[in-house]
N, C-alpha and C. Protein backbone atom coordinates (compact mmCIF):
# COMPACT_ATOMS: atom_id res chain seq x y z
N UNK A 1 0.84 -1.17 0.00
CA UNK A 1 0.00 0.00 0.00
C UNK A 1 0.90 1.24 0.00
N UNK A 2 0.60 2.18 -0.87
CA UNK A 2 1.42 3.39 -0.99
C UNK A 2 1.18 4.34 0.18
N UNK A 3 2.06 5.30 0.34
CA UNK A 3 1.90 6.30 1.38
C UNK A 3 0.58 7.04 1.19
N UNK A 4 0.27 7.43 -0.04
CA UNK A 4 -0.97 8.14 -0.33
C UNK A 4 -2.18 7.31 0.05
N UNK A 5 -2.16 6.03 -0.27
CA UNK A 5 -3.28 5.16 0.08
C UNK A 5 -3.44 5.04 1.60
N UNK A 6 -2.32 4.98 2.29
CA UNK A 6 -2.39 4.89 3.75
C UNK A 6 -2.90 6.18 4.37
N UNK A 7 -2.53 7.32 3.80
CA UNK A 7 -3.06 8.60 4.29
C UNK A 7 -4.55 8.69 4.00
N UNK A 8 -4.98 8.23 2.83
CA UNK A 8 -6.41 8.22 2.52
C UNK A 8 -7.18 7.36 3.52
N UNK A 9 -6.59 6.26 3.93
CA UNK A 9 -7.22 5.40 4.94
C UNK A 9 -7.37 6.15 6.27
N UNK A 10 -6.33 6.86 6.66
CA UNK A 10 -6.38 7.64 7.90
C UNK A 10 -7.45 8.73 7.79
N UNK A 11 -7.51 9.40 6.63
CA UNK A 11 -8.53 10.43 6.43
C UNK A 11 -9.93 9.84 6.55
N UNK A 12 -10.12 8.67 5.98
CA UNK A 12 -11.43 8.02 6.05
C UNK A 12 -11.80 7.68 7.49
N UNK A 13 -10.81 7.24 8.28
CA UNK A 13 -11.05 6.92 9.68
C UNK A 13 -11.42 8.17 10.48
N UNK A 14 -10.98 9.34 10.01
CA UNK A 14 -11.30 10.59 10.68
C UNK A 14 -12.53 11.26 10.06
N UNK A 15 -13.27 10.48 9.29
CA UNK A 15 -14.49 10.97 8.63
C UNK A 15 -14.23 12.14 7.69
N UNK A 16 -13.03 12.16 7.13
CA UNK A 16 -12.70 13.14 6.10
C UNK A 16 -12.62 12.35 4.81
N UNK A 17 -13.69 12.38 4.05
CA UNK A 17 -13.74 11.57 2.85
C UNK A 17 -13.79 12.44 1.62
N UNK A 18 -13.06 12.04 0.66
CA UNK A 18 -12.98 12.72 -0.63
C UNK A 18 -12.66 11.63 -1.64
N UNK A 19 -13.44 11.55 -2.68
CA UNK A 19 -13.25 10.48 -3.66
C UNK A 19 -11.95 10.60 -4.43
N UNK A 20 -11.49 11.81 -4.62
CA UNK A 20 -10.32 11.99 -5.46
C UNK A 20 -9.21 12.76 -4.74
N UNK A 21 -8.74 12.21 -3.63
CA UNK A 21 -7.61 12.82 -2.93
C UNK A 21 -6.35 12.46 -3.70
N UNK A 22 -5.67 13.50 -4.17
CA UNK A 22 -4.44 13.32 -4.93
C UNK A 22 -3.30 14.03 -4.23
N UNK A 23 -2.13 13.94 -4.79
CA UNK A 23 -0.97 14.63 -4.23
C UNK A 23 -1.19 16.15 -4.23
N UNK A 24 -1.98 16.65 -5.16
CA UNK A 24 -2.21 18.09 -5.28
C UNK A 24 -3.35 18.60 -4.41
N UNK A 25 -4.11 17.70 -3.81
CA UNK A 25 -5.24 18.10 -2.98
C UNK A 25 -4.75 18.88 -1.77
N UNK A 26 -5.34 20.06 -1.55
CA UNK A 26 -4.94 20.87 -0.40
C UNK A 26 -5.82 20.54 0.79
N UNK A 27 -5.32 20.86 1.96
CA UNK A 27 -6.11 20.65 3.17
C UNK A 27 -7.32 21.57 3.17
N UNK A 28 -7.18 22.75 2.57
CA UNK A 28 -8.33 23.66 2.45
C UNK A 28 -9.44 23.03 1.62
N UNK A 29 -9.08 22.36 0.54
CA UNK A 29 -10.08 21.69 -0.30
C UNK A 29 -10.83 20.61 0.46
N UNK A 30 -10.16 20.02 1.44
CA UNK A 30 -10.79 18.97 2.25
C UNK A 30 -11.47 19.54 3.49
N UNK A 31 -11.46 20.88 3.62
CA UNK A 31 -12.01 21.55 4.80
C UNK A 31 -11.37 21.06 6.09
N UNK A 32 -10.05 20.88 6.04
CA UNK A 32 -9.30 20.45 7.21
C UNK A 32 -8.67 21.69 7.84
N UNK A 33 -9.03 21.96 9.10
CA UNK A 33 -8.45 23.09 9.80
C UNK A 33 -7.13 22.69 10.46
N UNK A 34 -6.49 23.65 11.11
CA UNK A 34 -5.16 23.38 11.67
C UNK A 34 -5.21 22.30 12.75
N UNK A 35 -6.28 22.25 13.52
CA UNK A 35 -6.40 21.20 14.53
C UNK A 35 -6.49 19.82 13.89
N UNK A 36 -7.24 19.72 12.80
CA UNK A 36 -7.35 18.44 12.10
C UNK A 36 -6.02 18.05 11.45
N UNK A 37 -5.23 19.04 11.00
CA UNK A 37 -3.91 18.74 10.44
C UNK A 37 -3.02 18.15 11.54
N UNK A 38 -3.11 18.70 12.73
CA UNK A 38 -2.33 18.16 13.86
C UNK A 38 -2.76 16.72 14.14
N UNK A 39 -4.06 16.49 14.14
CA UNK A 39 -4.58 15.14 14.37
C UNK A 39 -4.11 14.18 13.28
N UNK A 40 -4.17 14.63 12.03
CA UNK A 40 -3.69 13.82 10.91
C UNK A 40 -2.20 13.53 11.07
N UNK A 41 -1.44 14.54 11.47
CA UNK A 41 0.00 14.37 11.66
C UNK A 41 0.28 13.31 12.72
N UNK A 42 -0.44 13.37 13.83
CA UNK A 42 -0.23 12.39 14.89
C UNK A 42 -0.62 10.99 14.41
N UNK A 43 -1.68 10.89 13.65
CA UNK A 43 -2.09 9.59 13.12
C UNK A 43 -1.05 9.04 12.15
N UNK A 44 -0.48 9.92 11.33
CA UNK A 44 0.56 9.49 10.39
C UNK A 44 1.81 9.05 11.14
N UNK A 45 2.16 9.77 12.20
CA UNK A 45 3.32 9.37 13.00
C UNK A 45 3.13 7.96 13.55
N UNK A 46 1.93 7.67 14.01
CA UNK A 46 1.65 6.35 14.54
C UNK A 46 1.65 5.30 13.42
N UNK A 47 1.01 5.61 12.31
CA UNK A 47 0.90 4.66 11.18
C UNK A 47 2.27 4.30 10.61
N UNK A 48 3.14 5.31 10.48
CA UNK A 48 4.43 5.09 9.82
C UNK A 48 5.58 4.93 10.81
N UNK A 49 5.29 5.01 12.11
CA UNK A 49 6.29 4.88 13.16
C UNK A 49 7.44 5.86 12.96
N UNK A 50 7.05 7.14 12.81
CA UNK A 50 8.01 8.21 12.59
C UNK A 50 7.63 9.39 13.47
N UNK A 51 8.49 10.40 13.49
CA UNK A 51 8.17 11.65 14.16
C UNK A 51 8.25 12.76 13.12
N UNK A 52 7.11 13.34 12.82
CA UNK A 52 7.05 14.44 11.87
C UNK A 52 7.27 15.74 12.63
N UNK A 53 8.40 16.38 12.38
CA UNK A 53 8.72 17.62 13.07
C UNK A 53 8.11 18.77 12.28
N UNK A 54 6.85 19.06 12.58
CA UNK A 54 6.14 20.10 11.85
C UNK A 54 5.94 21.28 12.78
N UNK A 55 6.51 22.42 12.37
CA UNK A 55 6.30 23.64 13.14
C UNK A 55 5.55 24.64 12.27
N UNK A 56 5.37 25.83 12.76
CA UNK A 56 4.56 26.81 12.03
C UNK A 56 5.15 27.17 10.68
N UNK A 57 6.45 26.96 10.49
CA UNK A 57 7.09 27.28 9.21
C UNK A 57 7.03 26.13 8.21
N UNK A 58 6.72 24.92 8.69
CA UNK A 58 6.76 23.78 7.78
C UNK A 58 5.44 23.00 7.75
N UNK A 59 4.35 23.68 8.00
CA UNK A 59 3.05 23.02 7.96
C UNK A 59 2.75 22.65 6.51
N UNK A 60 2.43 21.38 6.27
CA UNK A 60 2.13 20.98 4.89
C UNK A 60 0.86 21.66 4.39
N UNK A 61 0.86 22.01 3.10
CA UNK A 61 -0.29 22.66 2.49
C UNK A 61 -1.13 21.68 1.68
N UNK A 62 -0.47 20.62 1.20
CA UNK A 62 -1.15 19.64 0.36
C UNK A 62 -0.89 18.23 0.90
N UNK A 63 -1.69 17.31 0.42
CA UNK A 63 -1.46 15.90 0.75
C UNK A 63 -0.08 15.49 0.24
N UNK A 64 0.31 15.99 -0.92
CA UNK A 64 1.62 15.69 -1.48
C UNK A 64 2.76 16.12 -0.58
N UNK A 65 2.62 17.30 0.07
CA UNK A 65 3.63 17.77 1.02
C UNK A 65 3.80 16.75 2.15
N UNK A 66 2.67 16.25 2.64
CA UNK A 66 2.69 15.28 3.74
C UNK A 66 3.33 13.97 3.26
N UNK A 67 2.94 13.52 2.07
CA UNK A 67 3.49 12.28 1.51
C UNK A 67 5.00 12.39 1.35
N UNK A 68 5.47 13.51 0.81
CA UNK A 68 6.91 13.69 0.58
C UNK A 68 7.68 13.72 1.90
N UNK A 69 7.14 14.37 2.92
CA UNK A 69 7.80 14.42 4.22
C UNK A 69 7.90 13.01 4.82
N UNK A 70 6.82 12.23 4.70
CA UNK A 70 6.82 10.86 5.20
C UNK A 70 7.81 10.00 4.41
N UNK A 71 7.85 10.19 3.10
CA UNK A 71 8.77 9.42 2.26
C UNK A 71 10.22 9.69 2.65
N UNK A 72 10.53 10.95 2.94
CA UNK A 72 11.89 11.30 3.36
C UNK A 72 12.29 10.56 4.64
N UNK A 73 11.36 10.46 5.55
CA UNK A 73 11.65 9.86 6.85
C UNK A 73 11.64 8.34 6.85
N UNK A 74 10.84 7.76 5.96
CA UNK A 74 10.71 6.30 5.95
C UNK A 74 11.58 5.63 4.90
N UNK A 75 11.99 6.39 3.89
CA UNK A 75 12.74 5.80 2.79
C UNK A 75 11.83 5.10 1.78
N UNK A 76 10.52 5.20 2.00
CA UNK A 76 9.56 4.61 1.05
C UNK A 76 9.42 5.52 -0.15
N UNK A 77 8.95 4.94 -1.22
CA UNK A 77 8.69 5.69 -2.45
C UNK A 77 7.46 6.57 -2.26
N UNK A 78 7.57 7.83 -2.63
CA UNK A 78 6.44 8.77 -2.52
C UNK A 78 5.42 8.39 -3.54
């Protein structure tokens, strides 16, 4: 399962559903506020067994940003 597919699974578990979540999909398009991004980040950390060091300067804007950050830390293909 790809990183994107695993993130989509996490989104579905958080009742954030979108039929066409792509790398270019923004969190704004999904109506995800900053609190939900934090929740998603924590879920991704648990799913991928990593620590995403996200501060106010490096908050991901798109699903692709999140996928790329996870890929860097896990060595998996984005």
